[in-house]
Amino acid sequence: MKSDIHPDYHFVKVVMTDGTEYTTRTTWGKEGDVLQLDIDAKSHPAWTGGSTQLLDRGGRVSRFQKKFAGFLKS
């Protein structure tokens, strides 16, 4: 590998939306920084089953639902 072309790889603390923390290695920020997450797997609808409603801007969601309404029904 070429030297001096790779970014600094260091440890940072990640704080989840529920307050749990873990340490990981990353190129983000600098050594010892804290990454405070606004959305993570515990709070995002894609992982939680979509308990929150999607905001329908311009009818995109309703057009999608209409187009694929009977797609998986047997």
Protein backbone atom coordinates (compact mmCIF):
# COMPACT_ATOMS: atom_id res chain seq x y z
CA MET A 1 0.00 0.00 0.00
CA LYS A 2 1.04 3.56 -0.57
CA SER A 3 1.96 5.47 2.55
CA ASP A 4 0.34 8.75 3.62
CA ILE A 5 -2.81 8.35 1.47
CA HIS A 6 -5.13 6.71 4.02
CA PRO A 7 -7.22 8.71 6.50
CA ASP A 8 -6.57 8.50 10.23
CA TYR A 9 -8.39 5.49 11.73
CA HIS A 10 -9.12 6.01 15.44
CA PHE A 11 -11.56 5.31 18.31
CA VAL A 12 -14.73 7.37 18.93
CA LYS A 13 -17.67 6.89 21.31
CA VAL A 14 -21.11 6.42 19.69
CA VAL A 15 -24.20 7.37 21.72
CA MET A 16 -27.48 5.79 20.55
CA THR A 17 -30.87 7.54 20.79
CA ASP A 18 -31.74 5.61 23.98
CA GLY A 19 -28.49 6.66 25.68
CA THR A 20 -26.54 3.43 25.30
CA GLU A 21 -22.92 3.90 24.29
CA TYR A 22 -20.23 1.90 22.56
CA THR A 23 -16.74 2.56 21.24
CA THR A 24 -15.79 1.88 17.64
CA ARG A 25 -13.02 2.66 15.19
CA THR A 26 -13.75 5.10 12.38
CA THR A 27 -12.34 7.82 10.15
CA TRP A 28 -15.05 10.26 11.33
CA GLY A 29 -13.94 13.16 13.55
CA LYS A 30 -10.84 12.82 15.65
CA GLU A 31 -9.64 10.57 18.48
CA GLY A 32 -11.97 10.71 21.50
CA ASP A 33 -14.90 12.50 19.77
CA VAL A 34 -18.50 11.58 20.65
CA LEU A 35 -20.92 10.76 17.81
CA GLN A 36 -24.49 11.49 19.03
CA LEU A 37 -26.99 9.66 16.79
CA ASP A 38 -30.38 11.21 15.97
CA ILE A 39 -31.67 8.08 14.24
CA ASP A 40 -30.52 4.51 14.78
CA ALA A 41 -31.79 0.96 14.38
CA LYS A 42 -33.75 1.20 17.65
CA SER A 43 -35.76 4.24 16.56
CA HIS A 44 -35.91 4.21 12.73
CA PRO A 45 -39.18 2.92 11.19
CA ALA A 46 -37.28 0.73 8.71
CA TRP A 47 -36.07 -1.46 11.61
CA THR A 48 -38.89 -0.99 14.11
CA GLY A 49 -41.72 -2.11 11.83
CA GLY A 50 -42.89 1.33 10.78
CA SER A 51 -44.96 2.27 13.81
CA THR A 52 -44.64 5.95 12.85
CA GLN A 53 -46.58 7.34 9.92
CA LEU A 54 -44.80 8.44 6.75
CA LEU A 55 -45.36 12.01 5.65
CA ASP A 56 -46.97 11.89 2.20
CA ARG A 57 -45.45 14.73 0.17
CA GLY A 58 -46.97 15.16 -3.26
CA GLY A 59 -48.87 11.88 -3.11
CA ARG A 60 -45.80 9.68 -3.58
CA VAL A 61 -46.63 7.28 -0.77
CA SER A 62 -50.29 6.99 -1.76
CA ARG A 63 -49.35 6.41 -5.43
CA PHE A 64 -46.92 3.68 -4.36
CA GLN A 65 -49.52 2.04 -2.11
CA LYS A 66 -52.12 2.20 -4.89
CA LYS A 67 -49.72 0.73 -7.48
CA PHE A 68 -48.65 -2.21 -5.30
CA ALA A 69 -51.84 -2.72 -3.26
CA GLY A 70 -52.46 -6.36 -4.24
CA PHE A 71 -48.89 -7.38 -5.01
CA LEU A 72 -48.35 -9.92 -2.22
CA LYS A 73 -51.94 -10.95 -1.58
CA SER A 74 -52.76 -14.54 -2.46
